[in-house]
Amino acid sequence: MAGGLAALLDDVAMIAKMASAASTKAVGVVVDDTAVTPRYVQGFSPARELPIIWKIAKGSLRNKIVFILPAALLLSQFVPWLLTPILMLGGTYLCFEGAEKVWEAVTGHGQEAAEAPAAERGPDYEDTMVSGAIRTDFILSAEIMVISLGSVANEPLIPRAVTLIIVALVITALVYGVVALLVKLDDIGLAMTETDSTFRQRAGRVLVSAMPKIMNVLSGVGIVAMLWVGGHILLVGADTLGWHAPYQLVHHLAEPAAHVAGVGGFLGWLVETLCSAVGGLIVGAVVVAIMHVLPFRKGAGHASGDHDAVRDEVGAEPSERSGGDASPGGSTRA
């Protein structure tokens, strides 16, 4: 009995160690996921922020456990070569999403439609935003799971599956816990201003006034993150499939920076990240150009107006989203 318990504890410890290593390798994508998600709750009333995040979190966990995990395990077991092309398709989608946001910001496309607050768009608007967030999360979750899978690829099937389930639970809780905290910081600040402590009142006012800037920065980081992650997926995927030139060029550009004393590791990473983002923007711009000249895109006309408005909502200023009466962080308050 004691021997069986010791073996069980040893297995648990091994799985925990593998899950920790797998999660660490995916931490860059976790940061991206955390930066992207707050954009999808901007413009809603404070009462709807946490329920919307909960909906997205449940969708994210469903993505990982129900769809991505079984598919990744089956593919890695029987057709491992197919994982890279599938990931590259997802990376192309991320590049398209990021590039279209850049195009909308540059051209101001759809800004007039974005002026109505979220509360006036009806219940379908919330469902549309949640669906969009879950679709974007699917790509990021797929990369998280595949990166994690690479850390345990040589393990037996059952430990591999258990490790990925733990990774899915831990990372989903981490990402959406941080997102929930970010979008409620303005409410925390308002609560602090109502206390008896002068210091807390002052800190609360600083927090409230800083939230629009924080959310705008996060929105920009989210767009860059989509281009970065998408471009990196394509670079690594092309190198894996035999087209080495793009990845070798990026490595060549990053090599001098990587040898700078003290900060070489960070500078090398920064150069690779910038190159991935630029590559993602180029690929995304090509896809955006194609999508905007396709006949069905033009023919969609007014029927696609609501969808365009939803997409433009993310890039609008807080005052525009709430009709000029937005609270910090983009929330609409009575």
C-alpha atoms as a PDB file:
ATOM      1  CA  MET A   1       0.000   0.000   0.000  1.00  0.00           C
ATOM      2  CA  ALA A   2       2.767   2.411   1.002  1.00  0.00           C
ATOM      3  CA  GLY A   3       4.692   1.511  -2.144  1.00  0.00           C
ATOM      4  CA  GLY A   4       1.637   2.151  -4.312  1.00  0.00           C
ATOM      5  CA  LEU A   5       1.054   5.545  -2.656  1.00  0.00           C
ATOM      6  CA  ALA A   6       4.698   6.484  -3.127  1.00  0.00           C
ATOM      7  CA  ALA A   7       4.491   5.561  -6.813  1.00  0.00           C
ATOM      8  CA  LEU A   8       1.293   7.589  -7.191  1.00  0.00           C
ATOM      9  CA  LEU A   9       2.861  10.637  -5.520  1.00  0.00           C
ATOM     10  CA  ASP A  10       5.911  10.228  -7.744  1.00  0.00           C
ATOM     11  CA  ASP A  11       3.677  10.200 -10.829  1.00  0.00           C
ATOM     12  CA  VAL A  12       1.818  13.285  -9.591  1.00  0.00           C
ATOM     13  CA  ALA A  13       5.101  15.092  -8.966  1.00  0.00           C
ATOM     14  CA  MET A  14       6.359  14.148 -12.427  1.00  0.00           C
ATOM     15  CA  ILE A  15       3.171  15.395 -14.091  1.00  0.00           C
ATOM     16  CA  ALA A  16       3.287  18.630 -12.069  1.00  0.00           C
ATOM     17  CA  LYS A  17       6.897  19.161 -13.145  1.00  0.00           C
ATOM     18  CA  MET A  18       6.015  18.544 -16.795  1.00  0.00           C
ATOM     19  CA  ALA A  19       3.017  20.899 -16.560  1.00  0.00           C
ATOM     20  CA  SER A  20       5.211  23.601 -15.051  1.00  0.00           C
ATOM     21  CA  ALA A  21       7.809  23.240 -17.806  1.00  0.00           C
ATOM     22  CA  ALA A  22       5.135  23.214 -20.513  1.00  0.00           C
ATOM     23  CA  SER A  23       3.418  26.312 -19.086  1.00  0.00           C
ATOM     24  CA  THR A  24       6.724  28.188 -18.874  1.00  0.00           C
ATOM     25  CA  LYS A  25       7.439  27.618 -22.568  1.00  0.00           C
ATOM     26  CA  ALA A  26       4.009  29.027 -23.475  1.00  0.00           C
ATOM     27  CA  VAL A  27       4.292  32.122 -21.274  1.00  0.00           C
ATOM     28  CA  GLY A  28       4.860  34.467 -24.237  1.00  0.00           C
ATOM     29  CA  VAL A  29       1.533  33.494 -25.783  1.00  0.00           C
ATOM     30  CA  VAL A  30      -0.133  33.815 -22.371  1.00  0.00           C
ATOM     31  CA  VAL A  31       0.968  37.462 -22.270  1.00  0.00           C
ATOM     32  CA  ASP A  32      -0.485  37.977 -25.744  1.00  0.00           C
ATOM     33  CA  ASP A  33      -3.791  36.373 -24.751  1.00  0.00           C
ATOM     34  CA  THR A  34      -4.000  38.590 -21.659  1.00  0.00           C
ATOM     35  CA  ALA A  35      -3.345  41.718 -23.736  1.00  0.00           C
ATOM     36  CA  VAL A  36      -5.865  40.875 -26.463  1.00  0.00           C
ATOM     37  CA  THR A  37      -8.911  39.978 -24.351  1.00  0.00           C
ATOM     38  CA  PRO A  38      -9.690  43.291 -22.544  1.00  0.00           C
ATOM     39  CA  ARG A  39     -10.526  44.879 -25.923  1.00  0.00           C
ATOM     40  CA  TYR A  40     -13.675  42.769 -26.100  1.00  0.00           C
ATOM     41  CA  VAL A  41     -15.296  44.173 -22.939  1.00  0.00           C
ATOM     42  CA  GLN A  42     -14.700  47.870 -23.630  1.00  0.00           C
ATOM     43  CA  GLY A  43     -17.893  49.884 -23.951  1.00  0.00           C
ATOM     44  CA  PHE A  44     -20.074  47.647 -21.765  1.00  0.00           C
ATOM     45  CA  SER A  45     -21.631  48.589 -18.429  1.00  0.00           C
ATOM     46  CA  PRO A  46     -19.639  47.580 -15.314  1.00  0.00           C
ATOM     47  CA  ALA A  47     -22.332  45.040 -14.420  1.00  0.00           C
ATOM     48  CA  ARG A  48     -21.692  43.133 -17.665  1.00  0.00           C
ATOM     49  CA  GLU A  49     -17.870  43.137 -17.599  1.00  0.00           C
ATOM     50  CA  LEU A  50     -17.268  40.120 -15.344  1.00  0.00           C
ATOM     51  CA  PRO A  51     -20.115  38.039 -16.856  1.00  0.00           C
ATOM     52  CA  ILE A  52     -18.647  38.659 -20.323  1.00  0.00           C
ATOM     53  CA  ILE A  53     -15.157  37.664 -19.150  1.00  0.00           C
ATOM     54  CA  TRP A  54     -16.652  34.524 -17.562  1.00  0.00           C
ATOM     55  CA  LYS A  55     -18.321  33.651 -20.883  1.00  0.00           C
ATOM     56  CA  ILE A  56     -15.039  34.102 -22.746  1.00  0.00           C
ATOM     57  CA  ALA A  57     -13.135  32.103 -20.114  1.00  0.00           C
ATOM     58  CA  LYS A  58     -15.584  29.202 -20.418  1.00  0.00           C
ATOM     59  CA  GLY A  59     -15.294  29.359 -24.194  1.00  0.00           C
ATOM     60  CA  SER A  60     -11.495  29.392 -23.892  1.00  0.00           C
ATOM     61  CA  LEU A  61     -11.474  26.332 -21.639  1.00  0.00           C
ATOM     62  CA  ARG A  62     -13.878  24.566 -23.986  1.00  0.00           C
ATOM     63  CA  ASN A  63     -11.561  25.412 -26.884  1.00  0.00           C
ATOM     64  CA  LYS A  64      -8.606  23.853 -25.082  1.00  0.00           C
ATOM     65  CA  ILE A  65     -10.204  20.770 -23.511  1.00  0.00           C
ATOM     66  CA  VAL A  66     -12.937  19.767 -25.962  1.00  0.00           C
ATOM     67  CA  PHE A  67     -11.432  20.706 -29.328  1.00  0.00           C
ATOM     68  CA  ILE A  68      -7.708  21.454 -29.240  1.00  0.00           C
ATOM     69  CA  LEU A  69      -6.523  18.829 -26.756  1.00  0.00           C
ATOM     70  CA  PRO A  70      -8.054  15.738 -28.437  1.00  0.00           C
ATOM     71  CA  ALA A  71      -7.075  17.010 -31.889  1.00  0.00           C
ATOM     72  CA  ALA A  72      -3.500  17.767 -30.803  1.00  0.00           C
ATOM     73  CA  LEU A  73      -3.104  14.362 -29.139  1.00  0.00           C
ATOM     74  CA  LEU A  74      -4.493  12.495 -32.145  1.00  0.00           C
ATOM     75  CA  LEU A  75      -2.417  14.454 -34.626  1.00  0.00           C
ATOM     76  CA  SER A  76       0.759  14.086 -32.566  1.00  0.00           C
ATOM     77  CA  GLN A  77       0.118  10.358 -32.280  1.00  0.00           C
ATOM     78  CA  PHE A  78      -0.711   9.568 -35.900  1.00  0.00           C
ATOM     79  CA  VAL A  79       0.080  12.511 -38.236  1.00  0.00           C
ATOM     80  CA  PRO A  80       2.463  14.840 -36.377  1.00  0.00           C
ATOM     81  CA  TRP A  81       3.532  16.550 -39.632  1.00  0.00           C
ATOM     82  CA  LEU A  82       0.019  18.053 -39.953  1.00  0.00           C
ATOM     83  CA  LEU A  83       0.319  20.149 -36.769  1.00  0.00           C
ATOM     84  CA  THR A  84       2.574  22.743 -38.391  1.00  0.00           C
ATOM     85  CA  PRO A  85       0.336  23.565 -41.415  1.00  0.00           C
ATOM     86  CA  ILE A  86      -2.702  23.838 -39.128  1.00  0.00           C
ATOM     87  CA  LEU A  87      -0.859  26.196 -36.813  1.00  0.00           C
ATOM     88  CA  MET A  88       0.236  28.278 -39.816  1.00  0.00           C
ATOM     89  CA  LEU A  89      -3.382  28.685 -40.902  1.00  0.00           C
ATOM     90  CA  GLY A  90      -4.173  29.977 -37.435  1.00  0.00           C
ATOM     91  CA  GLY A  91      -1.170  32.289 -37.578  1.00  0.00           C
ATOM     92  CA  THR A  92      -2.392  33.703 -40.894  1.00  0.00           C
ATOM     93  CA  TYR A  93      -5.775  34.413 -39.307  1.00  0.00           C
ATOM     94  CA  LEU A  94      -4.089  36.296 -36.447  1.00  0.00           C
ATOM     95  CA  CYS A  95      -2.053  38.333 -38.945  1.00  0.00           C
ATOM     96  CA  PHE A  96      -5.269  39.195 -40.796  1.00  0.00           C
ATOM     97  CA  GLU A  97      -7.014  40.281 -37.572  1.00  0.00           C
ATOM     98  CA  GLY A  98      -4.091  42.480 -36.511  1.00  0.00           C
ATOM     99  CA  ALA A  99      -3.546  44.014 -39.954  1.00  0.00           C
ATOM    100  CA  GLU A 100      -7.239  44.808 -40.350  1.00  0.00           C
ATOM    101  CA  LYS A 101      -7.176  46.648 -37.016  1.00  0.00           C
ATOM    102  CA  VAL A 102      -4.190  48.664 -38.222  1.00  0.00           C
ATOM    103  CA  TRP A 103      -6.012  49.426 -41.491  1.00  0.00           C
ATOM    104  CA  GLU A 104      -9.117  50.567 -39.581  1.00  0.00           C
ATOM    105  CA  ALA A 105      -7.018  52.798 -37.314  1.00  0.00           C
ATOM    106  CA  VAL A 106      -5.221  54.394 -40.273  1.00  0.00           C
ATOM    107  CA  THR A 107      -8.292  54.933 -42.462  1.00  0.00           C
ATOM    108  CA  GLY A 108     -10.861  55.607 -39.724  1.00  0.00           C
ATOM    109  CA  HIS A 109     -13.118  53.052 -41.406  1.00  0.00           C
ATOM    110  CA  GLY A 110     -16.401  52.545 -39.560  1.00  0.00           C
ATOM    111  CA  GLN A 111     -15.761  55.132 -36.822  1.00  0.00           C
ATOM    112  CA  GLU A 112     -19.184  56.692 -37.358  1.00  0.00           C
ATOM    113  CA  ALA A 113     -20.888  53.384 -36.658  1.00  0.00           C
ATOM    114  CA  ALA A 114     -18.840  52.929 -33.509  1.00  0.00           C
ATOM    115  CA  GLU A 115     -20.283  55.943 -31.704  1.00  0.00           C
ATOM    116  CA  ALA A 116     -23.300  54.141 -30.231  1.00  0.00           C
ATOM    117  CA  PRO A 117     -22.698  52.774 -26.728  1.00  0.00           C
ATOM    118  CA  ALA A 118     -22.780  49.018 -26.214  1.00  0.00           C
ATOM    119  CA  ALA A 119     -25.992  49.246 -24.204  1.00  0.00           C
ATOM    120  CA  GLU A 120     -27.840  50.636 -27.252  1.00  0.00           C
ATOM    121  CA  ARG A 121     -26.759  47.878 -29.630  1.00  0.00           C
ATOM    122  CA  GLY A 122     -29.022  45.195 -28.183  1.00  0.00           C
ATOM    123  CA  PRO A 123     -28.311  41.768 -26.688  1.00  0.00           C
ATOM    124  CA  ASP A 124     -26.875  40.375 -29.937  1.00  0.00           C
ATOM    125  CA  TYR A 125     -23.945  42.779 -29.713  1.00  0.00           C
ATOM    126  CA  GLU A 126     -22.635  41.145 -26.539  1.00  0.00           C
ATOM    127  CA  ASP A 127     -22.937  37.694 -28.113  1.00  0.00           C
ATOM    128  CA  THR A 128     -21.071  38.922 -31.195  1.00  0.00           C
ATOM    129  CA  MET A 129     -18.198  40.321 -29.129  1.00  0.00           C
ATOM    130  CA  VAL A 130     -17.963  37.163 -27.006  1.00  0.00           C
ATOM    131  CA  SER A 131     -17.920  35.004 -30.148  1.00  0.00           C
ATOM    132  CA  GLY A 132     -15.165  37.147 -31.650  1.00  0.00           C
ATOM    133  CA  ALA A 133     -13.100  36.898 -28.467  1.00  0.00           C
ATOM    134  CA  ILE A 134     -13.495  33.113 -28.349  1.00  0.00           C
ATOM    135  CA  ARG A 135     -12.491  32.797 -32.024  1.00  0.00           C
ATOM    136  CA  THR A 136      -9.325  34.825 -31.429  1.00  0.00           C
ATOM    137  CA  ASP A 137      -8.655  32.878 -28.235  1.00  0.00           C
ATOM    138  CA  PHE A 138      -8.912  29.618 -30.191  1.00  0.00           C
ATOM    139  CA  ILE A 139      -5.795  30.473 -32.202  1.00  0.00           C
ATOM    140  CA  LEU A 140      -3.823  31.601 -29.149  1.00  0.00           C
ATOM    141  CA  SER A 141      -5.010  28.573 -27.165  1.00  0.00           C
ATOM    142  CA  ALA A 142      -3.987  26.281 -30.004  1.00  0.00           C
ATOM    143  CA  GLU A 143      -0.451  27.668 -29.952  1.00  0.00           C
ATOM    144  CA  ILE A 144      -0.309  27.410 -26.146  1.00  0.00           C
ATOM    145  CA  MET A 145      -1.373  23.763 -26.280  1.00  0.00           C
ATOM    146  CA  VAL A 146       0.920  22.855 -29.177  1.00  0.00           C
ATOM    147  CA  ILE A 147       3.913  24.545 -27.526  1.00  0.00           C
ATOM    148  CA  SER A 148       3.084  22.694 -24.326  1.00  0.00           C
ATOM    149  CA  LEU A 149       2.678  19.465 -26.277  1.00  0.00           C
ATOM    150  CA  GLY A 150       6.193  19.896 -27.640  1.00  0.00           C
ATOM    151  CA  SER A 151       7.527  19.819 -24.068  1.00  0.00           C
ATOM    152  CA  VAL A 152       5.973  16.403 -23.352  1.00  0.00           C
ATOM    153  CA  ALA A 153       5.960  14.898 -26.854  1.00  0.00           C
ATOM    154  CA  ASN A 154       8.098  11.939 -25.785  1.00  0.00           C
ATOM    155  CA  GLU A 155       5.924  11.016 -22.797  1.00  0.00           C
ATOM    156  CA  PRO A 156       3.293   8.221 -22.871  1.00  0.00           C
ATOM    157  CA  LEU A 157      -0.197   9.202 -24.012  1.00  0.00           C
ATOM    158  CA  ILE A 158      -1.909   9.357 -20.585  1.00  0.00           C
ATOM    159  CA  PRO A 159       0.700  11.515 -18.792  1.00  0.00           C
ATOM    160  CA  ARG A 160       0.827  13.694 -21.907  1.00  0.00           C
ATOM    161  CA  ALA A 161      -2.955  14.207 -21.821  1.00  0.00           C
ATOM    162  CA  VAL A 162      -3.065  14.869 -18.059  1.00  0.00           C
ATOM    163  CA  THR A 163      -0.242  17.394 -18.357  1.00  0.00           C
ATOM    164  CA  LEU A 164      -2.039  19.299 -21.106  1.00  0.00           C
ATOM    165  CA  ILE A 165      -5.290  19.341 -19.110  1.00  0.00           C
ATOM    166  CA  ILE A 166      -3.431  20.870 -16.151  1.00  0.00           C
ATOM    167  CA  VAL A 167      -1.807  23.428 -18.462  1.00  0.00           C
ATOM    168  CA  ALA A 168      -5.212  24.318 -19.923  1.00  0.00           C
ATOM    169  CA  LEU A 169      -6.790  24.833 -16.484  1.00  0.00           C
ATOM    170  CA  VAL A 170      -3.880  26.809 -15.006  1.00  0.00           C
ATOM    171  CA  ILE A 171      -3.322  29.078 -17.999  1.00  0.00           C
ATOM    172  CA  THR A 172      -7.034  29.811 -18.487  1.00  0.00           C
ATOM    173  CA  ALA A 173      -7.392  30.736 -14.803  1.00  0.00           C
ATOM    174  CA  LEU A 174      -4.268  32.904 -14.974  1.00  0.00           C
ATOM    175  CA  VAL A 175      -5.195  34.755 -18.169  1.00  0.00           C
ATOM    176  CA  TYR A 176      -8.800  35.518 -17.315  1.00  0.00           C
ATOM    177  CA  GLY A 177      -8.070  36.222 -13.671  1.00  0.00           C
ATOM    178  CA  VAL A 178      -5.649  38.934 -14.763  1.00  0.00           C
ATOM    179  CA  VAL A 179      -8.120  40.199 -17.388  1.00  0.00           C
ATOM    180  CA  ALA A 180     -10.893  40.427 -14.778  1.00  0.00           C
ATOM    181  CA  LEU A 181      -8.595  42.421 -12.504  1.00  0.00           C
ATOM    182  CA  LEU A 182      -7.622  44.778 -15.320  1.00  0.00           C
ATOM    183  CA  VAL A 183     -11.163  45.628 -16.375  1.00  0.00           C
ATOM    184  CA  LYS A 184     -12.309  46.183 -12.765  1.00  0.00           C
ATOM    185  CA  LEU A 185      -9.425  48.428 -11.725  1.00  0.00           C
ATOM    186  CA  ASP A 186     -11.547  51.519 -12.354  1.00  0.00           C
ATOM    187  CA  ASP A 187     -14.229  50.209  -9.978  1.00  0.00           C
ATOM    188  CA  ILE A 188     -11.552  49.472  -7.389  1.00  0.00           C
ATOM    189  CA  GLY A 189     -10.313  53.042  -7.785  1.00  0.00           C
ATOM    190  CA  LEU A 190     -13.819  54.473  -7.380  1.00  0.00           C
ATOM    191  CA  ALA A 191     -14.321  52.419  -4.221  1.00  0.00           C
ATOM    192  CA  MET A 192     -11.030  53.755  -2.848  1.00  0.00           C
ATOM    193  CA  THR A 193     -12.147  57.357  -3.381  1.00  0.00           C
ATOM    194  CA  GLU A 194     -15.134  56.725  -1.089  1.00  0.00           C
ATOM    195  CA  THR A 195     -13.030  55.632   1.900  1.00  0.00           C
ATOM    196  CA  ASP A 196     -12.029  57.831   4.863  1.00  0.00           C
ATOM    197  CA  SER A 197      -8.318  57.547   4.150  1.00  0.00           C
ATOM    198  CA  THR A 198      -6.851  60.548   2.334  1.00  0.00           C
ATOM    199  CA  PHE A 199      -4.065  58.402   0.910  1.00  0.00           C
ATOM    200  CA  ARG A 200      -6.535  55.843  -0.460  1.00  0.00           C
ATOM    201  CA  GLN A 201      -8.720  58.582  -1.935  1.00  0.00           C
ATOM    202  CA  ARG A 202      -5.730  60.092  -3.707  1.00  0.00           C
ATOM    203  CA  ALA A 203      -4.529  56.685  -4.953  1.00  0.00           C
ATOM    204  CA  GLY A 204      -8.068  55.875  -6.122  1.00  0.00           C
ATOM    205  CA  ARG A 205      -8.300  59.083  -8.151  1.00  0.00           C
ATOM    206  CA  VAL A 206      -4.922  58.356  -9.764  1.00  0.00           C
ATOM    207  CA  LEU A 207      -6.072  54.841 -10.619  1.00  0.00           C
ATOM    208  CA  VAL A 208      -9.359  56.047 -12.112  1.00  0.00           C
ATOM    209  CA  SER A 209      -7.687  58.741 -14.215  1.00  0.00           C
ATOM    210  CA  ALA A 210      -5.040  56.287 -15.426  1.00  0.00           C
ATOM    211  CA  MET A 211      -7.467  53.579 -16.584  1.00  0.00           C
ATOM    212  CA  PRO A 212      -8.326  55.060 -20.028  1.00  0.00           C
ATOM    213  CA  LYS A 213      -4.602  55.256 -20.819  1.00  0.00           C
ATOM    214  CA  ILE A 214      -4.023  51.722 -19.532  1.00  0.00           C
ATOM    215  CA  MET A 215      -6.865  50.310 -21.624  1.00  0.00           C
ATOM    216  CA  ASN A 216      -5.705  52.184 -24.726  1.00  0.00           C
ATOM    217  CA  VAL A 217      -2.178  50.828 -24.254  1.00  0.00           C
ATOM    218  CA  LEU A 218      -3.553  47.309 -23.785  1.00  0.00           C
ATOM    219  CA  SER A 219      -5.625  47.675 -26.943  1.00  0.00           C
ATOM    220  CA  GLY A 220      -2.488  48.595 -28.883  1.00  0.00           C
ATOM    221  CA  VAL A 221      -0.512  45.798 -27.249  1.00  0.00           C
ATOM    222  CA  GLY A 222      -3.262  43.365 -28.222  1.00  0.00           C
ATOM    223  CA  ILE A 223      -2.996  44.354 -31.888  1.00  0.00           C
ATOM    224  CA  VAL A 224       0.805  44.087 -31.860  1.00  0.00           C
ATOM    225  CA  ALA A 225       0.499  40.761 -30.047  1.00  0.00           C
ATOM    226  CA  MET A 226      -1.685  39.311 -32.792  1.00  0.00           C
ATOM    227  CA  LEU A 227       0.846  40.384 -35.430  1.00  0.00           C
ATOM    228  CA  TRP A 228       3.777  39.145 -33.352  1.00  0.00           C
ATOM    229  CA  VAL A 229       2.306  35.730 -32.541  1.00  0.00           C
ATOM    230  CA  GLY A 230       0.914  35.245 -36.052  1.00  0.00           C
ATOM    231  CA  GLY A 231       4.187  36.268 -37.686  1.00  0.00           C
ATOM    232  CA  HIS A 232       6.213  34.045 -35.355  1.00  0.00           C
ATOM    233  CA  ILE A 233       3.987  31.043 -36.088  1.00  0.00           C
ATOM    234  CA  LEU A 234       4.514  31.574 -39.821  1.00  0.00           C
ATOM    235  CA  LEU A 235       8.286  32.043 -39.489  1.00  0.00           C
ATOM    236  CA  VAL A 236       8.772  28.912 -37.395  1.00  0.00           C
ATOM    237  CA  GLY A 237       6.312  26.935 -39.508  1.00  0.00           C
ATOM    238  CA  ALA A 238       8.033  27.872 -42.771  1.00  0.00           C
ATOM    239  CA  ASP A 239      11.391  26.893 -41.275  1.00  0.00           C
ATOM    240  CA  THR A 240       9.969  23.545 -40.111  1.00  0.00           C
ATOM    241  CA  LEU A 241       8.541  22.843 -43.562  1.00  0.00           C
ATOM    242  CA  GLY A 242      11.888  23.507 -45.243  1.00  0.00           C
ATOM    243  CA  TRP A 243      11.824  27.205 -46.212  1.00  0.00           C
ATOM    244  CA  HIS A 244      14.675  28.367 -43.971  1.00  0.00           C
ATOM    245  CA  ALA A 245      15.513  31.769 -45.483  1.00  0.00           C
ATOM    246  CA  PRO A 246      13.011  33.985 -43.537  1.00  0.00           C
ATOM    247  CA  TYR A 247      13.831  32.517 -40.135  1.00  0.00           C
ATOM    248  CA  GLN A 248      17.569  32.582 -40.866  1.00  0.00           C
ATOM    249  CA  LEU A 249      17.301  36.260 -41.838  1.00  0.00           C
ATOM    250  CA  VAL A 250      15.567  37.093 -38.552  1.00  0.00           C
ATOM    251  CA  HIS A 251      18.167  35.099 -36.612  1.00  0.00           C
ATOM    252  CA  HIS A 252      20.948  36.918 -38.485  1.00  0.00           C
ATOM    253  CA  LEU A 253      19.424  40.316 -37.611  1.00  0.00           C
ATOM    254  CA  ALA A 254      18.989  39.386 -33.959  1.00  0.00           C
ATOM    255  CA  GLU A 255      22.458  37.877 -33.489  1.00  0.00           C
ATOM    256  CA  PRO A 256      24.416  41.162 -33.000  1.00  0.00           C
ATOM    257  CA  ALA A 257      21.884  42.365 -30.433  1.00  0.00           C
ATOM    258  CA  ALA A 258      22.048  39.054 -28.579  1.00  0.00           C
ATOM    259  CA  HIS A 259      25.778  39.574 -27.905  1.00  0.00           C
ATOM    260  CA  VAL A 260      25.350  42.913 -26.102  1.00  0.00           C
ATOM    261  CA  ALA A 261      26.664  42.462 -22.571  1.00  0.00           C
ATOM    262  CA  GLY A 262      24.045  42.345 -19.847  1.00  0.00           C
ATOM    263  CA  VAL A 263      20.962  42.892 -22.009  1.00  0.00           C
ATOM    264  CA  GLY A 264      21.792  40.694 -24.988  1.00  0.00           C
ATOM    265  CA  GLY A 265      19.056  38.157 -24.271  1.00  0.00           C
ATOM    266  CA  PHE A 266      16.365  40.831 -24.090  1.00  0.00           C
ATOM    267  CA  LEU A 267      17.626  42.729 -27.147  1.00  0.00           C
ATOM    268  CA  GLY A 268      17.814  39.545 -29.203  1.00  0.00           C
ATOM    269  CA  TRP A 269      14.253  38.676 -28.208  1.00  0.00           C
ATOM    270  CA  LEU A 270      13.128  42.222 -29.011  1.00  0.00           C
ATOM    271  CA  VAL A 271      14.623  42.125 -32.513  1.00  0.00           C
ATOM    272  CA  GLU A 272      13.028  38.743 -33.218  1.00  0.00           C
ATOM    273  CA  THR A 273       9.706  40.014 -31.896  1.00  0.00           C
ATOM    274  CA  LEU A 274       9.799  43.147 -34.067  1.00  0.00           C
ATOM    275  CA  CYS A 275      10.731  41.100 -37.135  1.00  0.00           C
ATOM    276  CA  SER A 276       7.877  38.676 -36.430  1.00  0.00           C
ATOM    277  CA  ALA A 277       5.430  41.569 -36.032  1.00  0.00           C
ATOM    278  CA  VAL A 278       6.578  43.216 -39.279  1.00  0.00           C
ATOM    279  CA  GLY A 279       6.318  39.903 -41.103  1.00  0.00           C
ATOM    280  CA  GLY A 280       2.875  39.353 -39.613  1.00  0.00           C
ATOM    281  CA  LEU A 281       1.793  42.827 -40.720  1.00  0.00           C
ATOM    282  CA  ILE A 282       2.983  42.176 -44.277  1.00  0.00           C
ATOM    283  CA  VAL A 283       1.180  38.834 -44.505  1.00  0.00           C
ATOM    284  CA  GLY A 284      -1.906  40.281 -42.838  1.00  0.00           C
ATOM    285  CA  ALA A 285      -1.945  43.276 -45.180  1.00  0.00           C
ATOM    286  CA  VAL A 286      -1.928  40.950 -48.175  1.00  0.00           C
ATOM    287  CA  VAL A 287      -4.862  38.987 -46.740  1.00  0.00           C
ATOM    288  CA  VAL A 288      -6.751  42.202 -45.906  1.00  0.00           C
ATOM    289  CA  ALA A 289      -6.205  43.480 -49.458  1.00  0.00           C
ATOM    290  CA  ILE A 290      -7.501  40.208 -50.882  1.00  0.00           C
ATOM    291  CA  MET A 291     -10.529  40.197 -48.571  1.00  0.00           C
ATOM    292  CA  HIS A 292     -11.432  43.764 -49.521  1.00  0.00           C
ATOM    293  CA  VAL A 293     -11.362  43.126 -53.260  1.00  0.00           C
ATOM    294  CA  LEU A 294     -13.268  39.850 -53.231  1.00  0.00           C
ATOM    295  CA  PRO A 295     -16.760  40.183 -54.763  1.00  0.00           C
ATOM    296  CA  PHE A 296     -18.594  38.753 -51.755  1.00  0.00           C
ATOM    297  CA  ARG A 297     -16.925  41.332 -49.523  1.00  0.00           C
ATOM    298  CA  LYS A 298     -18.250  44.178 -51.660  1.00  0.00           C
ATOM    299  CA  GLY A 299     -21.635  42.542 -52.050  1.00  0.00           C
ATOM    300  CA  ALA A 300     -22.093  42.180 -48.332  1.00  0.00           C
ATOM    301  CA  GLY A 301     -22.766  45.913 -48.181  1.00  0.00           C
ATOM    302  CA  HIS A 302     -25.151  46.924 -45.454  1.00  0.00           C
ATOM    303  CA  ALA A 303     -25.600  43.373 -44.288  1.00  0.00           C
ATOM    304  CA  SER A 304     -22.070  43.397 -42.929  1.00  0.00           C
ATOM    305  CA  GLY A 305     -22.383  46.853 -41.397  1.00  0.00           C
ATOM    306  CA  ASP A 306     -23.157  45.589 -37.920  1.00  0.00           C
ATOM    307  CA  HIS A 307     -20.178  43.249 -37.982  1.00  0.00           C
ATOM    308  CA  ASP A 308     -17.882  46.062 -39.109  1.00  0.00           C
ATOM    309  CA  ALA A 309     -19.247  48.244 -36.338  1.00  0.00           C
ATOM    310  CA  VAL A 310     -18.496  45.543 -33.797  1.00  0.00           C
ATOM    311  CA  ARG A 311     -14.938  45.269 -35.054  1.00  0.00           C
ATOM    312  CA  ASP A 312     -14.491  49.064 -35.082  1.00  0.00           C
ATOM    313  CA  GLU A 313     -15.847  49.292 -31.547  1.00  0.00           C
ATOM    314  CA  VAL A 314     -12.601  47.847 -30.269  1.00  0.00           C
ATOM    315  CA  GLY A 315     -10.517  50.615 -31.761  1.00  0.00           C
ATOM    316  CA  ALA A 316     -12.747  53.554 -30.731  1.00  0.00           C
ATOM    317  CA  GLU A 317     -11.880  55.969 -27.960  1.00  0.00           C
ATOM    318  CA  PRO A 318     -13.709  55.422 -24.645  1.00  0.00           C
ATOM    319  CA  SER A 319     -15.664  58.638 -25.065  1.00  0.00           C
ATOM    320  CA  GLU A 320     -16.834  57.542 -28.516  1.00  0.00           C
ATOM    321  CA  ARG A 321     -17.948  54.097 -27.378  1.00  0.00           C
ATOM    322  CA  SER A 322     -20.125  55.474 -24.598  1.00  0.00           C
ATOM    323  CA  GLY A 323     -21.536  58.501 -26.359  1.00  0.00           C
ATOM    324  CA  GLY A 324     -19.144  60.869 -24.567  1.00  0.00           C
ATOM    325  CA  ASP A 325     -19.998  59.705 -21.035  1.00  0.00           C
ATOM    326  CA  ALA A 326     -17.679  56.790 -20.461  1.00  0.00           C
ATOM    327  CA  SER A 327     -16.089  55.913 -17.178  1.00  0.00           C
ATOM    328  CA  PRO A 328     -12.395  55.012 -16.978  1.00  0.00           C
ATOM    329  CA  GLY A 329     -11.648  51.768 -18.751  1.00  0.00           C
ATOM    330  CA  GLY A 330     -14.432  52.245 -21.266  1.00  0.00           C
ATOM    331  CA  SER A 331     -17.352  51.373 -18.962  1.00  0.00           C
ATOM    332  CA  THR A 332     -20.705  53.083 -19.359  1.00  0.00           C
ATOM    333  CA  ARG A 333     -22.094  54.236 -16.036  1.00  0.00           C
ATOM    334  CA  ALA A 334     -25.585  55.385 -15.152  1.00  0.00           C
END
